[in-house]
Structure formats: C-alpha cells, structure tokens
Amino acid sequence: MNILNETENKLLQRKEVAIKLEHDSNPDYTTVSAMLAEKFKVEEARLSINKIFNNYGSRSFTIDAFIYNSLEAKQKFEPKKKEKKGAS
C-alpha cells in the first residue's frame, strides 16, 4: 500500500488521501476500510471511502478516501443517503 497523495483539509476537518494498493482481486469497501484504519491508526467509523479505481487487467487499485478528525465532523460534512421512494 503506497500513499500517492495526502492533504489536510482544515475547513472540512479531514485528511484526503489517495492510495495505490496491489491486490489479487477487487477489494471490497469493508476490506479497504479495515486496511486504512490499521495503516492510519484511526477507527473505521471516521473513514469515508469514495472510490476504488482499477485499470482493466492490472492488479493495482487506486483508492480515494477521507479520514475525518472526529465522528461529529463526518456526520456534519458527509452527504446523507437518500431514502427510496415509497419506503416508510
């Protein structure tokens, strides 16, 4: 796991990271979240993984993620998931 880019965004109280990961198969969000939490020594609840990119046929993946300073900051700045129509 190599860190490609790491920037501190003080306005949104988070760290924005881009990581390159070598993996045999397509990693899911829970696996990536656990790996990032271990690498940056934060709890998984403070992580937000945006995208997992792959070039077809290669084993390298590029991951864009946010690491918030606190859980309250994540709840404040992350967009809320929309409810499906007709769900009550």
C-alpha atoms as a PDB file:
ATOM      1  CA  MET A   1       0.000   0.000   0.000  1.00  0.00           C
ATOM      2  CA  ASN A   2       1.597   3.259  -1.193  1.00  0.00           C
ATOM      3  CA  ILE A   3       0.322   6.733  -0.375  1.00  0.00           C
ATOM      4  CA  LEU A   4       0.103   8.753  -3.603  1.00  0.00           C
ATOM      5  CA  ASN A   5      -1.325  11.964  -2.165  1.00  0.00           C
ATOM      6  CA  GLU A   6      -2.196  13.133   1.348  1.00  0.00           C
ATOM      7  CA  THR A   7      -3.612  16.592   2.027  1.00  0.00           C
ATOM      8  CA  GLU A   8      -5.036  18.143   5.182  1.00  0.00           C
ATOM      9  CA  ASN A   9      -8.339  19.988   4.695  1.00  0.00           C
ATOM     10  CA  LYS A  10      -8.780  22.072   7.844  1.00  0.00           C
ATOM     11  CA  LEU A  11     -12.034  23.687   6.701  1.00  0.00           C
ATOM     12  CA  LEU A  12     -13.814  20.328   6.426  1.00  0.00           C
ATOM     13  CA  GLN A  13     -11.831  18.808   9.331  1.00  0.00           C
ATOM     14  CA  ARG A  14     -10.490  15.861   7.347  1.00  0.00           C
ATOM     15  CA  LYS A  15      -7.453  14.367   5.661  1.00  0.00           C
ATOM     16  CA  GLU A  16      -7.859  13.493   1.971  1.00  0.00           C
ATOM     17  CA  VAL A  17      -5.755  10.562   0.807  1.00  0.00           C
ATOM     18  CA  ALA A  18      -5.120   8.734  -2.464  1.00  0.00           C
ATOM     19  CA  ILE A  19      -3.593   5.279  -2.088  1.00  0.00           C
ATOM     20  CA  LYS A  20      -2.291   2.683  -4.531  1.00  0.00           C
ATOM     21  CA  LEU A  21      -2.971  -0.900  -3.468  1.00  0.00           C
ATOM     22  CA  GLU A  22      -1.712  -4.151  -5.008  1.00  0.00           C
ATOM     23  CA  HIS A  23      -4.352  -6.860  -4.588  1.00  0.00           C
ATOM     24  CA  ASP A  24      -5.178 -10.142  -6.358  1.00  0.00           C
ATOM     25  CA  SER A  25      -8.909  -9.472  -6.687  1.00  0.00           C
ATOM     26  CA  ASN A  26     -11.185  -6.465  -6.442  1.00  0.00           C
ATOM     27  CA  PRO A  27     -11.140  -5.399  -2.754  1.00  0.00           C
ATOM     28  CA  ASP A  28     -14.482  -4.501  -1.216  1.00  0.00           C
ATOM     29  CA  TYR A  29     -15.146  -1.398   0.841  1.00  0.00           C
ATOM     30  CA  THR A  30     -15.057  -3.223   4.203  1.00  0.00           C
ATOM     31  CA  THR A  31     -11.624  -4.741   3.473  1.00  0.00           C
ATOM     32  CA  VAL A  32     -10.220  -1.405   2.326  1.00  0.00           C
ATOM     33  CA  SER A  33     -11.719   0.354   5.349  1.00  0.00           C
ATOM     34  CA  ALA A  34     -10.071  -2.120   7.737  1.00  0.00           C
ATOM     35  CA  MET A  35      -6.705  -1.752   5.971  1.00  0.00           C
ATOM     36  CA  LEU A  36      -6.842   2.059   6.074  1.00  0.00           C
ATOM     37  CA  ALA A  37      -7.894   2.091   9.733  1.00  0.00           C
ATOM     38  CA  GLU A  38      -4.897  -0.080  10.598  1.00  0.00           C
ATOM     39  CA  LYS A  39      -2.472   1.968   8.473  1.00  0.00           C
ATOM     40  CA  PHE A  40      -3.534   5.405   9.782  1.00  0.00           C
ATOM     41  CA  LYS A  41      -4.401   4.169  13.313  1.00  0.00           C
ATOM     42  CA  VAL A  42      -7.964   5.532  13.328  1.00  0.00           C
ATOM     43  CA  GLU A  43     -11.329   3.918  13.952  1.00  0.00           C
ATOM     44  CA  GLU A  44     -13.282   2.723  10.904  1.00  0.00           C
ATOM     45  CA  ALA A  45     -16.270   4.928  11.727  1.00  0.00           C
ATOM     46  CA  ARG A  46     -14.192   8.040  10.891  1.00  0.00           C
ATOM     47  CA  LEU A  47     -13.299   6.777   7.387  1.00  0.00           C
ATOM     48  CA  SER A  48     -15.172   7.521   4.200  1.00  0.00           C
ATOM     49  CA  ILE A  49     -14.084   5.670   1.068  1.00  0.00           C
ATOM     50  CA  ASN A  50     -15.155   7.459  -2.086  1.00  0.00           C
ATOM     51  CA  LYS A  51     -13.880   5.397  -4.999  1.00  0.00           C
ATOM     52  CA  ILE A  52     -11.885   2.303  -5.813  1.00  0.00           C
ATOM     53  CA  PHE A  53     -10.383   2.532  -9.318  1.00  0.00           C
ATOM     54  CA  ASN A  54      -8.796  -0.235 -11.372  1.00  0.00           C
ATOM     55  CA  ASN A  55      -7.188  -0.399 -14.784  1.00  0.00           C
ATOM     56  CA  TYR A  56      -8.617  -3.432 -16.551  1.00  0.00           C
ATOM     57  CA  GLY A  57      -6.288  -6.407 -16.332  1.00  0.00           C
ATOM     58  CA  SER A  58      -3.969  -4.985 -13.688  1.00  0.00           C
ATOM     59  CA  ARG A  59      -3.752  -5.834 -10.010  1.00  0.00           C
ATOM     60  CA  SER A  60      -3.221  -2.268  -8.839  1.00  0.00           C
ATOM     61  CA  PHE A  61      -6.095  -0.253  -7.417  1.00  0.00           C
ATOM     62  CA  THR A  62      -6.272   3.463  -6.667  1.00  0.00           C
ATOM     63  CA  ILE A  63      -8.378   4.363  -3.633  1.00  0.00           C
ATOM     64  CA  ASP A  64      -9.718   7.824  -2.772  1.00  0.00           C
ATOM     65  CA  ALA A  65     -10.706   8.228   0.871  1.00  0.00           C
ATOM     66  CA  PHE A  66     -11.385  10.820   3.561  1.00  0.00           C
ATOM     67  CA  ILE A  67     -10.233  10.474   7.176  1.00  0.00           C
ATOM     68  CA  TYR A  68     -12.216  12.780   9.442  1.00  0.00           C
ATOM     69  CA  ASN A  69     -10.815  14.271  12.649  1.00  0.00           C
ATOM     70  CA  SER A  70     -13.923  13.223  14.590  1.00  0.00           C
ATOM     71  CA  LEU A  71     -17.143  11.297  14.101  1.00  0.00           C
ATOM     72  CA  GLU A  72     -19.139  14.517  14.563  1.00  0.00           C
ATOM     73  CA  ALA A  73     -17.255  16.130  11.655  1.00  0.00           C
ATOM     74  CA  LYS A  74     -18.049  13.150   9.444  1.00  0.00           C
ATOM     75  CA  GLN A  75     -21.740  13.317  10.286  1.00  0.00           C
ATOM     76  CA  LYS A  76     -21.756  17.052   9.622  1.00  0.00           C
ATOM     77  CA  PHE A  77     -19.977  17.087   6.243  1.00  0.00           C
ATOM     78  CA  GLU A  78     -20.739  13.729   4.592  1.00  0.00           C
ATOM     79  CA  PRO A  79     -23.855  13.717   2.386  1.00  0.00           C
ATOM     80  CA  LYS A  80     -26.793  11.828   3.804  1.00  0.00           C
ATOM     81  CA  LYS A  81     -28.074   8.756   1.983  1.00  0.00           C
ATOM     82  CA  LYS A  82     -31.417   9.289   0.295  1.00  0.00           C
ATOM     83  CA  GLU A  83     -34.398   7.163   1.180  1.00  0.00           C
ATOM     84  CA  LYS A  84     -36.059   5.138  -1.546  1.00  0.00           C
ATOM     85  CA  LYS A  85     -39.469   6.300  -2.719  1.00  0.00           C
ATOM     86  CA  GLY A  86     -42.359   4.595  -1.050  1.00  0.00           C
ATOM     87  CA  ALA A  87     -40.314   3.412   1.932  1.00  0.00           C
ATOM     88  CA  SER A  88     -41.857   4.306   5.252  1.00  0.00           C
END
